[in-house]
Amino acid sequence: MAGISLDSVYLLNDGTVEACGYNVHGGLGDGTDTDRHTPVILPGVAGVIQVTAATEGAGYLLNDGTVKVCGYNTFGQLGDGSTIEHNTPIVVPGVSGVTQVSMGVYHTVFLLADGTVKACGYNGYGELVNRN
């Protein structure tokens, strides 16, 4: 369910994440914009149960139902109410009880435990239509 990615993220058995790739706009979440040709462990990312990656960003669903995101944010696709890119993962405010997360090129979709969907980012083609 993830969008096209220039980065690779790997969920390890212990709930931590390693990542490598292009890393433009901090999409790996390692605190830099430096390309990584070998996987690096992401600091401050633990308890992860699902990963998703997009063109220049990544999302991490945590075992407590919250989501951390990083990377490109020009269209607000990281869900923090800004258009500032983040090169370290931040918790998406106001989103909890998430059971699945998926990032597209310029949007992110959250499936909640009650079956509702939240979405953020670019909606030029109607990709953010809400369904119950």
C-alpha atoms as a PDB file:
ATOM      1  CA  MET A   1       0.000   0.000   0.000  1.00  0.00           C
ATOM      2  CA  ALA A   2       2.977   2.394  -0.025  1.00  0.00           C
ATOM      3  CA  GLY A   3       3.736   4.940  -2.710  1.00  0.00           C
ATOM      4  CA  ILE A   4       6.784   4.957  -4.956  1.00  0.00           C
ATOM      5  CA  SER A   5       9.889   5.346  -2.834  1.00  0.00           C
ATOM      6  CA  LEU A   6      13.442   6.512  -3.374  1.00  0.00           C
ATOM      7  CA  ASP A   7      14.287   5.213   0.083  1.00  0.00           C
ATOM      8  CA  SER A   8      14.122   1.784   1.678  1.00  0.00           C
ATOM      9  CA  VAL A   9      12.967   1.224   5.241  1.00  0.00           C
ATOM     10  CA  TYR A  10      13.333  -2.063   7.062  1.00  0.00           C
ATOM     11  CA  LEU A  11      11.286  -3.102  10.093  1.00  0.00           C
ATOM     12  CA  LEU A  12      13.399  -5.281  12.379  1.00  0.00           C
ATOM     13  CA  ASN A  13      12.046  -8.004  14.668  1.00  0.00           C
ATOM     14  CA  ASP A  14      12.670  -5.878  17.766  1.00  0.00           C
ATOM     15  CA  GLY A  15      10.455  -3.006  16.490  1.00  0.00           C
ATOM     16  CA  THR A  16      13.312  -0.741  15.445  1.00  0.00           C
ATOM     17  CA  VAL A  17      13.899   0.494  11.903  1.00  0.00           C
ATOM     18  CA  GLU A  18      16.856   0.708   9.541  1.00  0.00           C
ATOM     19  CA  ALA A  19      16.791   2.834   6.401  1.00  0.00           C
ATOM     20  CA  CYS A  20      18.889   3.659   3.364  1.00  0.00           C
ATOM     21  CA  GLY A  21      18.524   5.501   0.073  1.00  0.00           C
ATOM     22  CA  TYR A  22      18.328   8.937  -1.493  1.00  0.00           C
ATOM     23  CA  ASN A  23      17.389  10.796   1.731  1.00  0.00           C
ATOM     24  CA  VAL A  24      16.540  14.099   0.053  1.00  0.00           C
ATOM     25  CA  HIS A  25      14.340  16.219   2.362  1.00  0.00           C
ATOM     26  CA  GLY A  26      15.302  13.946   5.291  1.00  0.00           C
ATOM     27  CA  GLY A  27      13.007  11.166   4.106  1.00  0.00           C
ATOM     28  CA  LEU A  28      14.952   8.469   5.941  1.00  0.00           C
ATOM     29  CA  GLY A  29      14.550  10.131   9.327  1.00  0.00           C
ATOM     30  CA  ASP A  30      18.164   9.810  10.439  1.00  0.00           C
ATOM     31  CA  GLY A  31      18.511  13.544  11.174  1.00  0.00           C
ATOM     32  CA  THR A  32      20.365  14.336   7.932  1.00  0.00           C
ATOM     33  CA  ASP A  33      19.810  14.885   4.230  1.00  0.00           C
ATOM     34  CA  THR A  34      22.802  12.664   3.410  1.00  0.00           C
ATOM     35  CA  ASP A  35      22.313   9.760   1.000  1.00  0.00           C
ATOM     36  CA  ARG A  36      22.813   6.428   2.753  1.00  0.00           C
ATOM     37  CA  HIS A  37      24.164   3.541   0.684  1.00  0.00           C
ATOM     38  CA  THR A  38      23.961   1.098   3.586  1.00  0.00           C
ATOM     39  CA  PRO A  39      21.156   0.882   6.165  1.00  0.00           C
ATOM     40  CA  VAL A  40      21.403   3.033   9.291  1.00  0.00           C
ATOM     41  CA  ILE A  41      19.420   2.518  12.510  1.00  0.00           C
ATOM     42  CA  LEU A  42      16.961   5.347  13.078  1.00  0.00           C
ATOM     43  CA  PRO A  43      17.426   6.953  16.493  1.00  0.00           C
ATOM     44  CA  GLY A  44      14.288   7.448  18.567  1.00  0.00           C
ATOM     45  CA  VAL A  45      12.180   5.051  16.512  1.00  0.00           C
ATOM     46  CA  ALA A  46      11.098   1.971  18.498  1.00  0.00           C
ATOM     47  CA  GLY A  47       7.960  -0.083  19.026  1.00  0.00           C
ATOM     48  CA  VAL A  48       7.233   0.007  15.288  1.00  0.00           C
ATOM     49  CA  ILE A  49       4.708  -2.502  13.903  1.00  0.00           C
ATOM     50  CA  GLN A  50       4.388  -1.195  10.310  1.00  0.00           C
ATOM     51  CA  VAL A  51       6.445   0.970   7.961  1.00  0.00           C
ATOM     52  CA  THR A  52       5.431   2.880   4.848  1.00  0.00           C
ATOM     53  CA  ALA A  53       7.594   4.882   2.457  1.00  0.00           C
ATOM     54  CA  ALA A  54       6.790   7.460  -0.193  1.00  0.00           C
ATOM     55  CA  THR A  55       8.843   9.345  -2.760  1.00  0.00           C
ATOM     56  CA  GLU A  56      10.693  11.453  -0.182  1.00  0.00           C
ATOM     57  CA  GLY A  57       9.302  10.436   3.190  1.00  0.00           C
ATOM     58  CA  ALA A  58       8.486   7.606   5.534  1.00  0.00           C
ATOM     59  CA  GLY A  59       5.944   6.720   8.201  1.00  0.00           C
ATOM     60  CA  TYR A  60       6.173   4.420  11.195  1.00  0.00           C
ATOM     61  CA  LEU A  61       3.115   2.989  12.963  1.00  0.00           C
ATOM     62  CA  LEU A  62       3.922   2.396  16.620  1.00  0.00           C
ATOM     63  CA  ASN A  63       2.479  -0.317  18.841  1.00  0.00           C
ATOM     64  CA  ASP A  64       0.553   2.317  20.833  1.00  0.00           C
ATOM     65  CA  GLY A  65      -1.483   3.339  17.747  1.00  0.00           C
ATOM     66  CA  THR A  66       0.402   6.573  17.065  1.00  0.00           C
ATOM     67  CA  VAL A  67       2.394   7.352  13.931  1.00  0.00           C
ATOM     68  CA  LYS A  68       5.776   8.990  13.408  1.00  0.00           C
ATOM     69  CA  VAL A  69       6.588  10.559  10.024  1.00  0.00           C
ATOM     70  CA  CYS A  70       9.511  12.318   8.366  1.00  0.00           C
ATOM     71  CA  GLY A  71      10.576  13.829   5.069  1.00  0.00           C
ATOM     72  CA  TYR A  72       9.045  16.035   2.400  1.00  0.00           C
ATOM     73  CA  ASN A  73       6.025  18.030   3.556  1.00  0.00           C
ATOM     74  CA  THR A  74       5.277  20.711   0.947  1.00  0.00           C
ATOM     75  CA  PHE A  75       1.607  19.673   0.750  1.00  0.00           C
ATOM     76  CA  GLY A  76       1.171  18.954   4.472  1.00  0.00           C
ATOM     77  CA  GLN A  77       1.398  15.215   3.847  1.00  0.00           C
ATOM     78  CA  LEU A  78       3.094  14.619   7.203  1.00  0.00           C
ATOM     79  CA  GLY A  79      -0.045  15.729   9.023  1.00  0.00           C
ATOM     80  CA  ASP A  80       1.565  18.101  11.515  1.00  0.00           C
ATOM     81  CA  GLY A  81      -0.336  21.153  10.262  1.00  0.00           C
ATOM     82  CA  SER A  82       2.736  22.645   8.597  1.00  0.00           C
ATOM     83  CA  THR A  83       4.622  22.456   5.332  1.00  0.00           C
ATOM     84  CA  ILE A  84       8.008  22.153   7.033  1.00  0.00           C
ATOM     85  CA  GLU A  85      10.026  19.059   6.172  1.00  0.00           C
ATOM     86  CA  HIS A  86      11.376  16.979   9.034  1.00  0.00           C
ATOM     87  CA  ASN A  87      14.604  14.959   8.884  1.00  0.00           C
ATOM     88  CA  THR A  88      13.801  13.192  12.156  1.00  0.00           C
ATOM     89  CA  PRO A  89      10.506  11.381  12.775  1.00  0.00           C
ATOM     90  CA  ILE A  90       7.811  13.393  14.533  1.00  0.00           C
ATOM     91  CA  VAL A  91       4.578  12.115  16.066  1.00  0.00           C
ATOM     92  CA  VAL A  92       1.541  13.069  13.971  1.00  0.00           C
ATOM     93  CA  PRO A  93      -0.538  15.228  16.341  1.00  0.00           C
ATOM     94  CA  GLY A  94      -4.230  14.439  16.824  1.00  0.00           C
ATOM     95  CA  VAL A  95      -3.995  10.981  15.263  1.00  0.00           C
ATOM     96  CA  SER A  96      -4.288   7.962  17.547  1.00  0.00           C
ATOM     97  CA  GLY A  97      -5.817   4.503  17.459  1.00  0.00           C
ATOM     98  CA  VAL A  98      -4.227   3.895  14.055  1.00  0.00           C
ATOM     99  CA  THR A  99      -4.202   0.309  12.773  1.00  0.00           C
ATOM    100  CA  GLN A 100      -2.672   0.963   9.334  1.00  0.00           C
ATOM    101  CA  VAL A 101      -0.856   3.838   7.644  1.00  0.00           C
ATOM    102  CA  SER A 102      -0.018   4.383   3.989  1.00  0.00           C
ATOM    103  CA  MET A 103       1.928   7.184   2.319  1.00  0.00           C
ATOM    104  CA  GLY A 104       1.433   8.192  -1.284  1.00  0.00           C
ATOM    105  CA  VAL A 105       3.597  10.605  -3.215  1.00  0.00           C
ATOM    106  CA  TYR A 106       2.029  13.703  -1.606  1.00  0.00           C
ATOM    107  CA  HIS A 107      -0.464  12.356   0.955  1.00  0.00           C
ATOM    108  CA  THR A 108      -0.789  10.059   3.961  1.00  0.00           C
ATOM    109  CA  VAL A 109      -3.809   7.962   4.953  1.00  0.00           C
ATOM    110  CA  PHE A 110      -4.527   6.607   8.441  1.00  0.00           C
ATOM    111  CA  LEU A 111      -6.976   3.762   9.127  1.00  0.00           C
ATOM    112  CA  LEU A 112      -8.281   4.007  12.696  1.00  0.00           C
ATOM    113  CA  ALA A 113      -9.401   1.178  14.964  1.00  0.00           C
ATOM    114  CA  ASP A 114     -13.038   2.311  14.716  1.00  0.00           C
ATOM    115  CA  GLY A 115     -12.942   1.893  10.916  1.00  0.00           C
ATOM    116  CA  THR A 116     -12.746   5.581  10.068  1.00  0.00           C
ATOM    117  CA  VAL A 117     -10.056   7.048   7.856  1.00  0.00           C
ATOM    118  CA  LYS A 118      -8.062  10.261   8.255  1.00  0.00           C
ATOM    119  CA  ALA A 119      -5.955  11.704   5.471  1.00  0.00           C
ATOM    120  CA  CYS A 120      -3.693  14.685   4.887  1.00  0.00           C
ATOM    121  CA  GLY A 121      -1.723  16.230   2.050  1.00  0.00           C
ATOM    122  CA  TYR A 122      -2.364  17.025  -1.592  1.00  0.00           C
ATOM    123  CA  ASN A 123      -5.909  16.450  -2.831  1.00  0.00           C
ATOM    124  CA  GLY A 124      -5.708  17.664  -6.432  1.00  0.00           C
ATOM    125  CA  TYR A 125      -7.121  14.407  -7.798  1.00  0.00           C
ATOM    126  CA  GLY A 126      -9.562  13.559  -4.995  1.00  0.00           C
ATOM    127  CA  GLU A 127      -7.191  11.134  -3.274  1.00  0.00           C
ATOM    128  CA  LEU A 128      -8.276  12.297   0.182  1.00  0.00           C
ATOM    129  CA  VAL A 129     -11.933  11.259  -0.074  1.00  0.00           C
ATOM    130  CA  ASN A 130     -13.058  10.144   3.398  1.00  0.00           C
ATOM    131  CA  ARG A 131     -14.895   6.839   3.772  1.00  0.00           C
ATOM    132  CA  ASN A 132     -16.522   5.268   6.850  1.00  0.00           C
END
